[in-house]
């Protein structure tokens, strides 16, 4: 797949180290965009080319991942972008994540193989 054909994955996490870690896993297969807070994530999601997939941390200051997801799903321009949550409490957050419209809720540290499988199967 050439760079121009690569799907865009937006990684949203308030910890730059987490962004670097996930980016290292998917870079080369997908074009990576990143945001360290919810407000930046919403701005990036509304710009063209829009992300094809969003990985969203739940626990962030100012605007948590749930609020970001709620706003994404409420906006017709971004409502169809698949969202997967990443969190330290995946077992506790799983049900709410799915109710919010997420395709999955992954625990931290993120399992590389599971992450790649999730993105690939969602973007088919």
PDB file of N, CA and C in Angstrom:
ATOM      1  N   UNK A   1       0.847  -1.178   0.000  1.00  0.00           N
ATOM      2  CA  UNK A   1       0.000   0.000   0.000  1.00  0.00           C
ATOM      3  C   UNK A   1       0.894   1.243   0.000  1.00  0.00           C
ATOM      4  N   UNK A   2       0.646   2.147  -0.910  1.00  0.00           N
ATOM      5  CA  UNK A   2       1.453   3.359  -0.967  1.00  0.00           C
ATOM      6  C   UNK A   2       0.994   4.350   0.080  1.00  0.00           C
ATOM      7  N   UNK A   3       1.822   5.341   0.351  1.00  0.00           N
ATOM      8  CA  UNK A   3       1.509   6.353   1.366  1.00  0.00           C
ATOM      9  C   UNK A   3       0.210   7.073   1.043  1.00  0.00           C
ATOM     10  N   UNK A   4      -0.062   7.328  -0.234  1.00  0.00           N
ATOM     11  CA  UNK A   4      -1.280   8.051  -0.601  1.00  0.00           C
ATOM     12  C   UNK A   4      -2.535   7.213  -0.357  1.00  0.00           C
ATOM     13  N   UNK A   5      -2.391   5.882  -0.358  1.00  0.00           N
ATOM     14  CA  UNK A   5      -3.526   5.008  -0.127  1.00  0.00           C
ATOM     15  C   UNK A   5      -3.693   4.649   1.347  1.00  0.00           C
ATOM     16  N   UNK A   6      -2.709   4.982   2.165  1.00  0.00           N
ATOM     17  CA  UNK A   6      -2.739   4.590   3.564  1.00  0.00           C
ATOM     18  C   UNK A   6      -3.911   5.232   4.294  1.00  0.00           C
ATOM     19  N   UNK A   7      -4.576   4.432   5.095  1.00  0.00           N
ATOM     20  CA  UNK A   7      -5.663   4.918   5.935  1.00  0.00           C
ATOM     21  C   UNK A   7      -5.067   5.733   7.066  1.00  0.00           C
ATOM     22  N   UNK A   8      -5.853   6.698   7.556  1.00  0.00           N
ATOM     23  CA  UNK A   8      -5.389   7.596   8.614  1.00  0.00           C
ATOM     24  C   UNK A   8      -5.957   7.151   9.961  1.00  0.00           C
ATOM     25  N   UNK A   9      -5.057   6.958  10.933  1.00  0.00           N
ATOM     26  CA  UNK A   9      -5.460   6.617  12.292  1.00  0.00           C
ATOM     27  C   UNK A   9      -5.086   7.787  13.203  1.00  0.00           C
ATOM     28  N   UNK A  10      -6.072   8.300  13.925  1.00  0.00           N
ATOM     29  CA  UNK A  10      -5.852   9.377  14.895  1.00  0.00           C
ATOM     30  C   UNK A  10      -5.700   8.747  16.276  1.00  0.00           C
ATOM     31  N   UNK A  11      -4.571   9.012  16.923  1.00  0.00           N
ATOM     32  CA  UNK A  11      -4.309   8.526  18.281  1.00  0.00           C
ATOM     33  C   UNK A  11      -4.487   9.702  19.232  1.00  0.00           C
ATOM     34  N   UNK A  12      -5.352   9.529  20.230  1.00  0.00           N
ATOM     35  CA  UNK A  12      -5.624  10.597  21.192  1.00  0.00           C
ATOM     36  C   UNK A  12      -5.280  10.096  22.589  1.00  0.00           C
ATOM     37  N   UNK A  13      -4.259  10.706  23.192  1.00  0.00           N
ATOM     38  CA  UNK A  13      -3.835  10.323  24.536  1.00  0.00           C
ATOM     39  C   UNK A  13      -3.098  11.510  25.136  1.00  0.00           C
ATOM     40  N   UNK A  14      -3.343  11.793  26.415  1.00  0.00           N
ATOM     41  CA  UNK A  14      -2.675  12.926  27.053  1.00  0.00           C
ATOM     42  C   UNK A  14      -1.219  12.617  27.394  1.00  0.00           C
ATOM     43  N   UNK A  15      -0.805  11.355  27.267  1.00  0.00           N
ATOM     44  CA  UNK A  15       0.585  10.969  27.530  1.00  0.00           C
ATOM     45  C   UNK A  15       1.319  10.750  26.210  1.00  0.00           C
ATOM     46  N   UNK A  16       2.227  11.665  25.852  1.00  0.00           N
ATOM     47  CA  UNK A  16       2.973  11.520  24.592  1.00  0.00           C
ATOM     48  C   UNK A  16       3.675  10.169  24.456  1.00  0.00           C
ATOM     49  N   UNK A  17       4.114   9.573  25.560  1.00  0.00           N
ATOM     50  CA  UNK A  17       4.785   8.271  25.498  1.00  0.00           C
ATOM     51  C   UNK A  17       3.832   7.199  24.973  1.00  0.00           C
ATOM     52  N   UNK A  18       2.565   7.274  25.356  1.00  0.00           N
ATOM     53  CA  UNK A  18       1.574   6.306  24.856  1.00  0.00           C
ATOM     54  C   UNK A  18       1.344   6.495  23.361  1.00  0.00           C
ATOM     55  N   UNK A  19       1.310   7.746  22.923  1.00  0.00           N
ATOM     56  CA  UNK A  19       1.150   8.034  21.493  1.00  0.00           C
ATOM     57  C   UNK A  19       2.324   7.448  20.716  1.00  0.00           C
ATOM     58  N   UNK A  20       3.545   7.649  21.221  1.00  0.00           N
ATOM     59  CA  UNK A  20       4.737   7.131  20.550  1.00  0.00           C
ATOM     60  C   UNK A  20       4.712   5.609  20.480  1.00  0.00           C
ATOM     61  N   UNK A  21       4.298   4.977  21.559  1.00  0.00           N
ATOM     62  CA  UNK A  21       4.255   3.524  21.610  1.00  0.00           C
ATOM     63  C   UNK A  21       3.277   2.964  20.575  1.00  0.00           C
ATOM     64  N   UNK A  22       2.058   3.502  20.553  1.00  0.00           N
ATOM     65  CA  UNK A  22       1.042   3.027  19.608  1.00  0.00           C
ATOM     66  C   UNK A  22       1.438   3.378  18.181  1.00  0.00           C
ATOM     67  N   UNK A  23       1.969   4.574  17.997  1.00  0.00           N
ATOM     68  CA  UNK A  23       2.414   5.000  16.668  1.00  0.00           C
ATOM     69  C   UNK A  23       3.477   4.047  16.128  1.00  0.00           C
ATOM     70  N   UNK A  24       4.373   3.606  16.988  1.00  0.00           N
ATOM     71  CA  UNK A  24       5.413   2.675  16.579  1.00  0.00           C
ATOM     72  C   UNK A  24       4.860   1.355  16.083  1.00  0.00           C
ATOM     73  N   UNK A  25       3.706   0.957  16.638  1.00  0.00           N
ATOM     74  CA  UNK A  25       3.075  -0.304  16.244  1.00  0.00           C
ATOM     75  C   UNK A  25       2.401  -0.183  14.875  1.00  0.00           C
ATOM     76  N   UNK A  26       1.726   0.938  14.637  1.00  0.00           N
ATOM     77  CA  UNK A  26       0.913   1.042  13.418  1.00  0.00           C
ATOM     78  C   UNK A  26       1.565   1.839  12.289  1.00  0.00           C
ATOM     79  N   UNK A  27       2.618   2.595  12.614  1.00  0.00           N
ATOM     80  CA  UNK A  27       3.291   3.397  11.590  1.00  0.00           C
ATOM     81  C   UNK A  27       3.862   2.460  10.530  1.00  0.00           C
ATOM     82  N   UNK A  28       3.704   2.842   9.278  1.00  0.00           N
ATOM     83  CA  UNK A  28       4.140   1.990   8.177  1.00  0.00           C
ATOM     84  C   UNK A  28       2.949   1.307   7.530  1.00  0.00           C
ATOM     85  N   UNK A  29       1.965   0.932   8.341  1.00  0.00           N
ATOM     86  CA  UNK A  29       0.729   0.351   7.812  1.00  0.00           C
ATOM     87  C   UNK A  29      -0.334   1.438   7.649  1.00  0.00           C
ATOM     88  N   UNK A  30      -0.275   2.442   8.523  1.00  0.00           N
ATOM     89  CA  UNK A  30      -1.268   3.514   8.519  1.00  0.00           C
ATOM     90  C   UNK A  30      -0.579   4.849   8.693  1.00  0.00           C
ATOM     91  N   UNK A  31      -1.217   5.891   8.175  1.00  0.00           N
ATOM     92  CA  UNK A  31      -0.739   7.249   8.400  1.00  0.00           C
ATOM     93  C   UNK A  31      -1.237   7.651   9.782  1.00  0.00           C
ATOM     94  N   UNK A  32      -0.342   8.150  10.612  1.00  0.00           N
ATOM     95  CA  UNK A  32      -0.683   8.473  11.998  1.00  0.00           C
ATOM     96  C   UNK A  32      -0.836   9.978  12.200  1.00  0.00           C
ATOM     97  N   UNK A  33      -1.950  10.338  12.840  1.00  0.00           N
ATOM     98  CA  UNK A  33      -2.135  11.691  13.343  1.00  0.00           C
ATOM     99  C   UNK A  33      -2.295  11.546  14.845  1.00  0.00           C
ATOM    100  N   UNK A  34      -1.940  12.596  15.603  1.00  0.00           N
ATOM    101  CA  UNK A  34      -2.010  12.485  17.055  1.00  0.00           C
ATOM    102  C   UNK A  34      -2.528  13.770  17.688  1.00  0.00           C
ATOM    103  N   UNK A  35      -3.172  13.595  18.836  1.00  0.00           N
ATOM    104  CA  UNK A  35      -3.652  14.725  19.630  1.00  0.00           C
ATOM    105  C   UNK A  35      -3.451  14.370  21.102  1.00  0.00           C
ATOM    106  N   UNK A  36      -3.074  15.373  21.896  1.00  0.00           N
ATOM    107  CA  UNK A  36      -2.838  15.131  23.321  1.00  0.00           C
ATOM    108  C   UNK A  36      -4.003  15.578  24.191  1.00  0.00           C
ATOM    109  N   UNK A  37      -5.089  16.027  23.553  1.00  0.00           N
ATOM    110  CA  UNK A  37      -6.295  16.338  24.324  1.00  0.00           C
ATOM    111  C   UNK A  37      -7.527  16.248  23.425  1.00  0.00           C
ATOM    112  N   UNK A  38      -8.684  16.251  24.063  1.00  0.00           N
ATOM    113  CA  UNK A  38      -9.932  16.069  23.337  1.00  0.00           C
ATOM    114  C   UNK A  38     -10.252  17.172  22.355  1.00  0.00           C
ATOM    115  N   UNK A  39      -9.987  18.405  22.740  1.00  0.00           N
ATOM    116  CA  UNK A  39     -10.296  19.537  21.858  1.00  0.00           C
ATOM    117  C   UNK A  39      -9.502  19.442  20.554  1.00  0.00           C
ATOM    118  N   UNK A  40      -8.200  19.119  20.654  1.00  0.00           N
ATOM    119  CA  UNK A  40      -7.377  18.955  19.452  1.00  0.00           C
ATOM    120  C   UNK A  40      -7.878  17.789  18.610  1.00  0.00           C
ATOM    121  N   UNK A  41      -8.297  16.717  19.270  1.00  0.00           N
ATOM    122  CA  UNK A  41      -8.798  15.545  18.555  1.00  0.00           C
ATOM    123  C   UNK A  41     -10.021  15.903  17.727  1.00  0.00           C
ATOM    124  N   UNK A  42     -10.933  16.676  18.292  1.00  0.00           N
ATOM    125  CA  UNK A  42     -12.144  17.070  17.576  1.00  0.00           C
ATOM    126  C   UNK A  42     -11.802  17.931  16.362  1.00  0.00           C
ATOM    127  N   UNK A  43     -10.839  18.834  16.511  1.00  0.00           N
ATOM    128  CA  UNK A  43     -10.413  19.677  15.385  1.00  0.00           C
ATOM    129  C   UNK A  43      -9.803  18.835  14.265  1.00  0.00           C
ATOM    130  N   UNK A  44      -8.927  17.895  14.626  1.00  0.00           N
ATOM    131  CA  UNK A  44      -8.287  17.039  13.628  1.00  0.00           C
ATOM    132  C   UNK A  44      -9.332  16.182  12.915  1.00  0.00           C
ATOM    133  N   UNK A  45     -10.288  15.666  13.666  1.00  0.00           N
ATOM    134  CA  UNK A  45     -11.310  14.782  13.084  1.00  0.00           C
ATOM    135  C   UNK A  45     -12.183  15.508  12.071  1.00  0.00           C
ATOM    136  N   UNK A  46     -12.342  16.823  12.237  1.00  0.00           N
ATOM    137  CA  UNK A  46     -13.203  17.591  11.345  1.00  0.00           C
ATOM    138  C   UNK A  46     -12.477  18.074  10.090  1.00  0.00           C
ATOM    139  N   UNK A  47     -11.146  17.978  10.083  1.00  0.00           N
ATOM    140  CA  UNK A  47     -10.375  18.424   8.918  1.00  0.00           C
ATOM    141  C   UNK A  47     -10.236  17.295   7.915  1.00  0.00           C
ATOM    142  N   UNK A  48     -10.106  17.673   6.647  1.00  0.00           N
ATOM    143  CA  UNK A  48      -9.916  16.686   5.584  1.00  0.00           C
ATOM    144  C   UNK A  48      -8.428  16.512   5.308  1.00  0.00           C
ATOM    145  N   UNK A  49      -7.930  15.319   5.072  1.00  0.00           N
ATOM    146  CA  UNK A  49      -8.724  14.099   5.112  1.00  0.00           C
ATOM    147  C   UNK A  49      -9.038  13.708   6.557  1.00  0.00           C
ATOM    148  N   UNK A  50     -10.268  13.342   6.802  1.00  0.00           N
ATOM    149  CA  UNK A  50     -10.688  12.922   8.138  1.00  0.00           C
ATOM    150  C   UNK A  50     -10.033  11.584   8.467  1.00  0.00           C
ATOM    151  N   UNK A  51      -9.809  11.324   9.745  1.00  0.00           N
ATOM    152  CA  UNK A  51      -9.249  10.018  10.100  1.00  0.00           C
ATOM    153  C   UNK A  51     -10.209   8.891   9.725  1.00  0.00           C
ATOM    154  N   UNK A  52      -9.631   7.747   9.409  1.00  0.00           N
ATOM    155  CA  UNK A  52     -10.437   6.569   9.094  1.00  0.00           C
ATOM    156  C   UNK A  52     -10.751   5.765  10.350  1.00  0.00           C
ATOM    157  N   UNK A  53      -9.967   6.008  11.403  1.00  0.00           N
ATOM    158  CA  UNK A  53     -10.103   5.259  12.654  1.00  0.00           C
ATOM    159  C   UNK A  53      -9.544   6.140  13.767  1.00  0.00           C
ATOM    160  N   UNK A  54     -10.168   6.110  14.947  1.00  0.00           N
ATOM    161  CA  UNK A  54      -9.688   6.906  16.082  1.00  0.00           C
ATOM    162  C   UNK A  54      -9.462   6.005  17.285  1.00  0.00           C
ATOM    163  N   UNK A  55      -8.249   6.067  17.839  1.00  0.00           N
ATOM    164  CA  UNK A  55      -7.917   5.407  19.102  1.00  0.00           C
ATOM    165  C   UNK A  55      -7.955   6.480  20.174  1.00  0.00           C
ATOM    166  N   UNK A  56      -8.804   6.295  21.176  1.00  0.00           N
ATOM    167  CA  UNK A  56      -9.128   7.365  22.101  1.00  0.00           C
ATOM    168  C   UNK A  56      -8.942   6.938  23.545  1.00  0.00           C
ATOM    169  N   UNK A  57      -8.046   7.614  24.258  1.00  0.00           N
ATOM    170  CA  UNK A  57      -7.855   7.373  25.682  1.00  0.00           C
ATOM    171  C   UNK A  57      -9.099   7.871  26.421  1.00  0.00           C
ATOM    172  N   UNK A  58      -9.511   7.157  27.447  1.00  0.00           N
ATOM    173  CA  UNK A  58     -10.691   7.583  28.202  1.00  0.00           C
ATOM    174  C   UNK A  58     -10.332   8.660  29.219  1.00  0.00           C
ATOM    175  N   UNK A  59      -9.313   8.403  30.035  1.00  0.00           N
ATOM    176  CA  UNK A  59      -8.972   9.330  31.114  1.00  0.00           C
ATOM    177  C   UNK A  59      -7.997  10.400  30.637  1.00  0.00           C
ATOM    178  N   UNK A  60      -8.548  11.594  30.393  1.00  0.00           N
ATOM    179  CA  UNK A  60      -7.736  12.748  30.007  1.00  0.00           C
ATOM    180  C   UNK A  60      -8.267  13.958  30.765  1.00  0.00           C
ATOM    181  N   UNK A  61      -7.380  14.931  31.052  1.00  0.00           N
ATOM    182  CA  UNK A  61      -7.859  16.134  31.731  1.00  0.00           C
ATOM    183  C   UNK A  61      -8.723  16.993  30.804  1.00  0.00           C
ATOM    184  N   UNK A  62      -9.525  17.841  31.375  1.00  0.00           N
ATOM    185  CA  UNK A  62     -10.393  18.797  30.679  1.00  0.00           C
ATOM    186  C   UNK A  62     -11.561  18.131  29.963  1.00  0.00           C
ATOM    187  N   UNK A  63     -11.294  17.252  28.998  1.00  0.00           N
ATOM    188  CA  UNK A  63     -12.363  16.565  28.262  1.00  0.00           C
ATOM    189  C   UNK A  63     -11.976  15.089  28.163  1.00  0.00           C
ATOM    190  N   UNK A  64     -12.761  14.224  28.810  1.00  0.00           N
ATOM    191  CA  UNK A  64     -12.413  12.802  28.765  1.00  0.00           C
ATOM    192  C   UNK A  64     -12.813  12.184  27.428  1.00  0.00           C
ATOM    193  N   UNK A  65     -12.357  10.962  27.220  1.00  0.00           N
ATOM    194  CA  UNK A  65     -12.611  10.276  25.959  1.00  0.00           C
ATOM    195  C   UNK A  65     -14.088  10.066  25.679  1.00  0.00           C
ATOM    196  N   UNK A  66     -14.874   9.863  26.727  1.00  0.00           N
ATOM    197  CA  UNK A  66     -16.312   9.678  26.529  1.00  0.00           C
ATOM    198  C   UNK A  66     -16.954  10.928  25.933  1.00  0.00           C
ATOM    199  N   UNK A  67     -16.543  12.090  26.426  1.00  0.00           N
ATOM    200  CA  UNK A  67     -17.107  13.342  25.891  1.00  0.00           C
ATOM    201  C   UNK A  67     -16.646  13.568  24.457  1.00  0.00           C
ATOM    202  N   UNK A  68     -15.396  13.246  24.157  1.00  0.00           N
ATOM    203  CA  UNK A  68     -14.903  13.363  22.785  1.00  0.00           C
ATOM    204  C   UNK A  68     -15.731  12.460  21.874  1.00  0.00           C
ATOM    205  N   UNK A  69     -15.946  11.225  22.310  1.00  0.00           N
ATOM    206  CA  UNK A  69     -16.722  10.273  21.508  1.00  0.00           C
ATOM    207  C   UNK A  69     -18.156  10.775  21.321  1.00  0.00           C
ATOM    208  N   UNK A  70     -18.758  11.293  22.387  1.00  0.00           N
ATOM    209  CA  UNK A  70     -20.129  11.799  22.296  1.00  0.00           C
ATOM    210  C   UNK A  70     -20.218  12.892  21.239  1.00  0.00           C
ATOM    211  N   UNK A  71     -19.243  13.818  21.248  1.00  0.00           N
ATOM    212  CA  UNK A  71     -19.252  14.910  20.269  1.00  0.00           C
ATOM    213  C   UNK A  71     -18.987  14.396  18.853  1.00  0.00           C
ATOM    214  N   UNK A  72     -18.088  13.436  18.715  1.00  0.00           N
ATOM    215  CA  UNK A  72     -17.825  12.852  17.389  1.00  0.00           C
ATOM    216  C   UNK A  72     -19.080  12.195  16.837  1.00  0.00           C
ATOM    217  N   UNK A  73     -19.781  11.428  17.660  1.00  0.00           N
ATOM    218  CA  UNK A  73     -20.969  10.704  17.211  1.00  0.00           C
ATOM    219  C   UNK A  73     -22.149  11.646  16.962  1.00  0.00           C
ATOM    220  N   UNK A  74     -22.154  12.819  17.602  1.00  0.00           N
ATOM    221  CA  UNK A  74     -23.246  13.782  17.430  1.00  0.00           C
ATOM    222  C   UNK A  74     -23.083  14.627  16.170  1.00  0.00           C
ATOM    223  N   UNK A  75     -21.872  14.673  15.610  1.00  0.00           N
ATOM    224  CA  UNK A  75     -21.588  15.486  14.429  1.00  0.00           C
ATOM    225  C   UNK A  75     -21.697  14.616  13.175  1.00  0.00           C
ATOM    226  N   UNK A  76     -22.613  14.957  12.252  1.00  0.00           N
ATOM    227  CA  UNK A  76     -22.764  14.147  11.033  1.00  0.00           C
ATOM    228  C   UNK A  76     -21.465  13.976  10.246  1.00  0.00           C
ATOM    229  N   UNK A  77     -20.563  14.951  10.333  1.00  0.00           N
ATOM    230  CA  UNK A  77     -19.306  14.877   9.580  1.00  0.00           C
ATOM    231  C   UNK A  77     -18.350  13.828  10.161  1.00  0.00           C
ATOM    232  N   UNK A  78     -18.504  13.488  11.449  1.00  0.00           N
ATOM    233  CA  UNK A  78     -17.567  12.555  12.088  1.00  0.00           C
ATOM    234  C   UNK A  78     -18.264  11.337  12.703  1.00  0.00           C
ATOM    235  N   UNK A  79     -19.559  11.268  12.593  1.00  0.00           N
ATOM    236  CA  UNK A  79     -20.305  10.214  13.295  1.00  0.00           C
ATOM    237  C   UNK A  79     -19.989   8.801  12.816  1.00  0.00           C
ATOM    238  N   UNK A  80     -19.528   8.658  11.580  1.00  0.00           N
ATOM    239  CA  UNK A  80     -19.256   7.324  11.038  1.00  0.00           C
ATOM    240  C   UNK A  80     -17.812   6.861  11.230  1.00  0.00           C
ATOM    241  N   UNK A  81     -16.977   7.692  11.831  1.00  0.00           N
ATOM    242  CA  UNK A  81     -15.582   7.287  12.052  1.00  0.00           C
ATOM    243  C   UNK A  81     -15.545   6.279  13.204  1.00  0.00           C
ATOM    244  N   UNK A  82     -14.985   5.077  12.964  1.00  0.00           N
ATOM    245  CA  UNK A  82     -14.911   4.092  14.049  1.00  0.00           C
ATOM    246  C   UNK A  82     -13.984   4.570  15.168  1.00  0.00           C
ATOM    247  N   UNK A  83     -14.425   4.382  16.403  1.00  0.00           N
ATOM    248  CA  UNK A  83     -13.662   4.775  17.584  1.00  0.00           C
ATOM    249  C   UNK A  83     -13.403   3.545  18.434  1.00  0.00           C
ATOM    250  N   UNK A  84     -12.159   3.395  18.904  1.00  0.00           N
ATOM    251  CA  UNK A  84     -11.819   2.365  19.888  1.00  0.00           C
ATOM    252  C   UNK A  84     -11.207   3.074  21.080  1.00  0.00           C
ATOM    253  N   UNK A  85     -11.690   2.750  22.261  1.00  0.00           N
ATOM    254  CA  UNK A  85     -11.131   3.340  23.475  1.00  0.00           C
ATOM    255  C   UNK A  85      -9.917   2.546  23.927  1.00  0.00           C
ATOM    256  N   UNK A  86      -8.967   3.265  24.537  1.00  0.00           N
ATOM    257  CA  UNK A  86      -7.836   2.639  25.196  1.00  0.00           C
ATOM    258  C   UNK A  86      -7.829   3.141  26.632  1.00  0.00           C
ATOM    259  N   UNK A  87      -7.664   2.217  27.577  1.00  0.00           N
ATOM    260  CA  UNK A  87      -7.758   2.600  28.981  1.00  0.00           C
ATOM    261  C   UNK A  87      -7.027   1.607  29.869  1.00  0.00           C
ATOM    262  N   UNK A  88      -6.688   2.066  31.036  1.00  0.00           N
ATOM    263  CA  UNK A  88      -6.076   1.185  32.033  1.00  0.00           C
ATOM    264  C   UNK A  88      -7.101   0.287  32.702  1.00  0.00           C
ATOM    265  N   UNK A  89      -8.385   0.608  32.561  1.00  0.00           N
ATOM    266  CA  UNK A  89      -9.460  -0.150  33.217  1.00  0.00           C
ATOM    267  C   UNK A  89     -10.412  -0.744  32.186  1.00  0.00           C
ATOM    268  N   UNK A  90      -9.898  -1.496  31.242  1.00  0.00           N
ATOM    269  CA  UNK A  90     -10.729  -1.994  30.141  1.00  0.00           C
ATOM    270  C   UNK A  90     -11.906  -2.838  30.619  1.00  0.00           C
ATOM    271  N   UNK A  91     -11.694  -3.661  31.647  1.00  0.00           N
ATOM    272  CA  UNK A  91     -12.788  -4.526  32.105  1.00  0.00           C
ATOM    273  C   UNK A  91     -13.936  -3.694  32.672  1.00  0.00           C
ATOM    274  N   UNK A  92     -13.623  -2.619  33.376  1.00  0.00           N
ATOM    275  CA  UNK A  92     -14.656  -1.761  33.955  1.00  0.00           C
ATOM    276  C   UNK A  92     -15.315  -0.866  32.909  1.00  0.00           C
ATOM    277  N   UNK A  93     -14.574  -0.486  31.896  1.00  0.00           N
ATOM    278  CA  UNK A  93     -15.052   0.486  30.909  1.00  0.00           C
ATOM    279  C   UNK A  93     -15.697  -0.156  29.682  1.00  0.00           C
ATOM    280  N   UNK A  94     -15.581  -1.464  29.530  1.00  0.00           N
ATOM    281  CA  UNK A  94     -16.019  -2.157  28.315  1.00  0.00           C
ATOM    282  C   UNK A  94     -17.484  -1.863  27.961  1.00  0.00           C
ATOM    283  N   UNK A  95     -18.387  -2.050  28.907  1.00  0.00           N
ATOM    284  CA  UNK A  95     -19.809  -1.897  28.619  1.00  0.00           C
ATOM    285  C   UNK A  95     -20.142  -0.465  28.205  1.00  0.00           C
ATOM    286  N   UNK A  96     -19.656   0.499  28.964  1.00  0.00           N
ATOM    287  CA  UNK A  96     -19.952   1.901  28.643  1.00  0.00           C
ATOM    288  C   UNK A  96     -19.371   2.280  27.285  1.00  0.00           C
ATOM    289  N   UNK A  97     -18.187   1.777  26.983  1.00  0.00           N
ATOM    290  CA  UNK A  97     -17.548   2.075  25.699  1.00  0.00           C
ATOM    291  C   UNK A  97     -18.422   1.633  24.540  1.00  0.00           C
ATOM    292  N   UNK A  98     -18.941   0.416  24.630  1.00  0.00           N
ATOM    293  CA  UNK A  98     -19.784  -0.109  23.559  1.00  0.00           C
ATOM    294  C   UNK A  98     -21.098   0.672  23.475  1.00  0.00           C
ATOM    295  N   UNK A  99     -21.642   1.063  24.622  1.00  0.00           N
ATOM    296  CA  UNK A  99     -22.870   1.867  24.631  1.00  0.00           C
ATOM    297  C   UNK A  99     -22.653   3.225  23.974  1.00  0.00           C
ATOM    298  N   UNK A 100     -21.431   3.741  24.063  1.00  0.00           N
ATOM    299  CA  UNK A 100     -21.092   5.042  23.462  1.00  0.00           C
ATOM    300  C   UNK A 100     -20.904   4.930  21.946  1.00  0.00           C
ATOM    301  N   UNK A 101     -20.877   3.714  21.426  1.00  0.00           N
ATOM    302  CA  UNK A 101     -20.710   3.519  19.992  1.00  0.00           C
ATOM    303  C   UNK A 101     -19.318   3.119  19.570  1.00  0.00           C
ATOM    304  N   UNK A 102     -18.451   2.806  20.531  1.00  0.00           N
ATOM    305  CA  UNK A 102     -17.093   2.377  20.201  1.00  0.00           C
ATOM    306  C   UNK A 102     -17.107   0.962  19.627  1.00  0.00           C
ATOM    307  N   UNK A 103     -16.127   0.663  18.782  1.00  0.00           N
ATOM    308  CA  UNK A 103     -16.015  -0.677  18.210  1.00  0.00           C
ATOM    309  C   UNK A 103     -15.297  -1.627  19.172  1.00  0.00           C
ATOM    310  N   UNK A 104     -14.541  -1.060  20.136  1.00  0.00           N
ATOM    311  CA  UNK A 104     -13.807  -1.881  21.102  1.00  0.00           C
ATOM    312  C   UNK A 104     -13.280  -1.019  22.231  1.00  0.00           C
ATOM    313  N   UNK A 105     -12.858  -1.693  23.296  1.00  0.00           N
ATOM    314  CA  UNK A 105     -12.184  -1.031  24.410  1.00  0.00           C
ATOM    315  C   UNK A 105     -10.954  -1.874  24.730  1.00  0.00           C
ATOM    316  N   UNK A 106      -9.786  -1.328  24.458  1.00  0.00           N
ATOM    317  CA  UNK A 106      -8.526  -2.040  24.642  1.00  0.00           C
ATOM    318  C   UNK A 106      -7.849  -1.599  25.935  1.00  0.00           C
ATOM    319  N   UNK A 107      -7.260  -2.563  26.643  1.00  0.00           N
ATOM    320  CA  UNK A 107      -6.536  -2.246  27.863  1.00  0.00           C
ATOM    321  C   UNK A 107      -5.129  -1.763  27.573  1.00  0.00           C
ATOM    322  N   UNK A 108      -4.587  -1.016  28.522  1.00  0.00           N
ATOM    323  CA  UNK A 108      -3.183  -0.593  28.458  1.00  0.00           C
ATOM    324  C   UNK A 108      -2.390  -1.535  29.345  1.00  0.00           C
ATOM    325  N   UNK A 109      -1.167  -1.901  28.962  1.00  0.00           N
ATOM    326  CA  UNK A 109      -0.554  -1.563  27.681  1.00  0.00           C
ATOM    327  C   UNK A 109      -1.273  -2.276  26.533  1.00  0.00           C
ATOM    328  N   UNK A 110      -1.346  -1.607  25.405  1.00  0.00           N
ATOM    329  CA  UNK A 110      -2.077  -2.125  24.259  1.00  0.00           C
ATOM    330  C   UNK A 110      -1.323  -3.308  23.648  1.00  0.00           C
ATOM    331  N   UNK A 111      -2.043  -4.388  23.409  1.00  0.00           N
ATOM    332  CA  UNK A 111      -1.485  -5.569  22.745  1.00  0.00           C
ATOM    333  C   UNK A 111      -1.350  -5.248  21.255  1.00  0.00           C
ATOM    334  N   UNK A 112      -0.136  -5.251  20.743  1.00  0.00           N
ATOM    335  CA  UNK A 112       0.142  -4.847  19.358  1.00  0.00           C
ATOM    336  C   UNK A 112      -0.642  -5.655  18.334  1.00  0.00           C
ATOM    337  N   UNK A 113      -0.631  -6.980  18.483  1.00  0.00           N
ATOM    338  CA  UNK A 113      -1.331  -7.829  17.522  1.00  0.00           C
ATOM    339  C   UNK A 113      -2.835  -7.580  17.556  1.00  0.00           C
ATOM    340  N   UNK A 114      -3.374  -7.465  18.749  1.00  0.00           N
ATOM    341  CA  UNK A 114      -4.822  -7.220  18.885  1.00  0.00           C
ATOM    342  C   UNK A 114      -5.200  -5.875  18.276  1.00  0.00           C
ATOM    343  N   UNK A 115      -4.357  -4.859  18.499  1.00  0.00           N
ATOM    344  CA  UNK A 115      -4.614  -3.532  17.951  1.00  0.00           C
ATOM    345  C   UNK A 115      -4.623  -3.567  16.425  1.00  0.00           C
ATOM    346  N   UNK A 116      -3.610  -4.173  15.823  1.00  0.00           N
ATOM    347  CA  UNK A 116      -3.533  -4.244  14.363  1.00  0.00           C
ATOM    348  C   UNK A 116      -4.707  -5.029  13.780  1.00  0.00           C
ATOM    349  N   UNK A 117      -5.069  -6.123  14.423  1.00  0.00           N
ATOM    350  CA  UNK A 117      -6.211  -6.924  13.965  1.00  0.00           C
ATOM    351  C   UNK A 117      -7.488  -6.116  14.034  1.00  0.00           C
ATOM    352  N   UNK A 118      -7.687  -5.394  15.128  1.00  0.00           N
ATOM    353  CA  UNK A 118      -8.881  -4.567  15.295  1.00  0.00           C
ATOM    354  C   UNK A 118      -8.980  -3.509  14.187  1.00  0.00           C
ATOM    355  N   UNK A 119      -7.895  -2.776  13.952  1.00  0.00           N
ATOM    356  CA  UNK A 119      -7.918  -1.723  12.932  1.00  0.00           C
ATOM    357  C   UNK A 119      -8.170  -2.330  11.557  1.00  0.00           C
ATOM    358  N   UNK A 120      -7.429  -3.400  11.224  1.00  0.00           N
ATOM    359  CA  UNK A 120      -7.574  -4.022   9.915  1.00  0.00           C
ATOM    360  C   UNK A 120      -8.993  -4.545   9.695  1.00  0.00           C
ATOM    361  N   UNK A 121      -9.582  -5.207  10.689  1.00  0.00           N
ATOM    362  CA  UNK A 121     -10.915  -5.772  10.520  1.00  0.00           C
ATOM    363  C   UNK A 121     -11.983  -4.687  10.461  1.00  0.00           C
ATOM    364  N   UNK A 122     -11.754  -3.581  11.160  1.00  0.00           N
ATOM    365  CA  UNK A 122     -12.734  -2.480  11.157  1.00  0.00           C
ATOM    366  C   UNK A 122     -12.700  -1.719   9.839  1.00  0.00           C
ATOM    367  N   UNK A 123     -11.529  -1.580   9.244  1.00  0.00           N
ATOM    368  CA  UNK A 123     -11.390  -0.771   8.036  1.00  0.00           C
ATOM    369  C   UNK A 123     -11.574  -1.543   6.740  1.00  0.00           C
ATOM    370  N   UNK A 124     -11.944  -2.804   6.814  1.00  0.00           N
ATOM    371  CA  UNK A 124     -12.164  -3.610   5.610  1.00  0.00           C
ATOM    372  C   UNK A 124     -13.311  -3.042   4.802  1.00  0.00           C
TER     373      UNK A 124
END
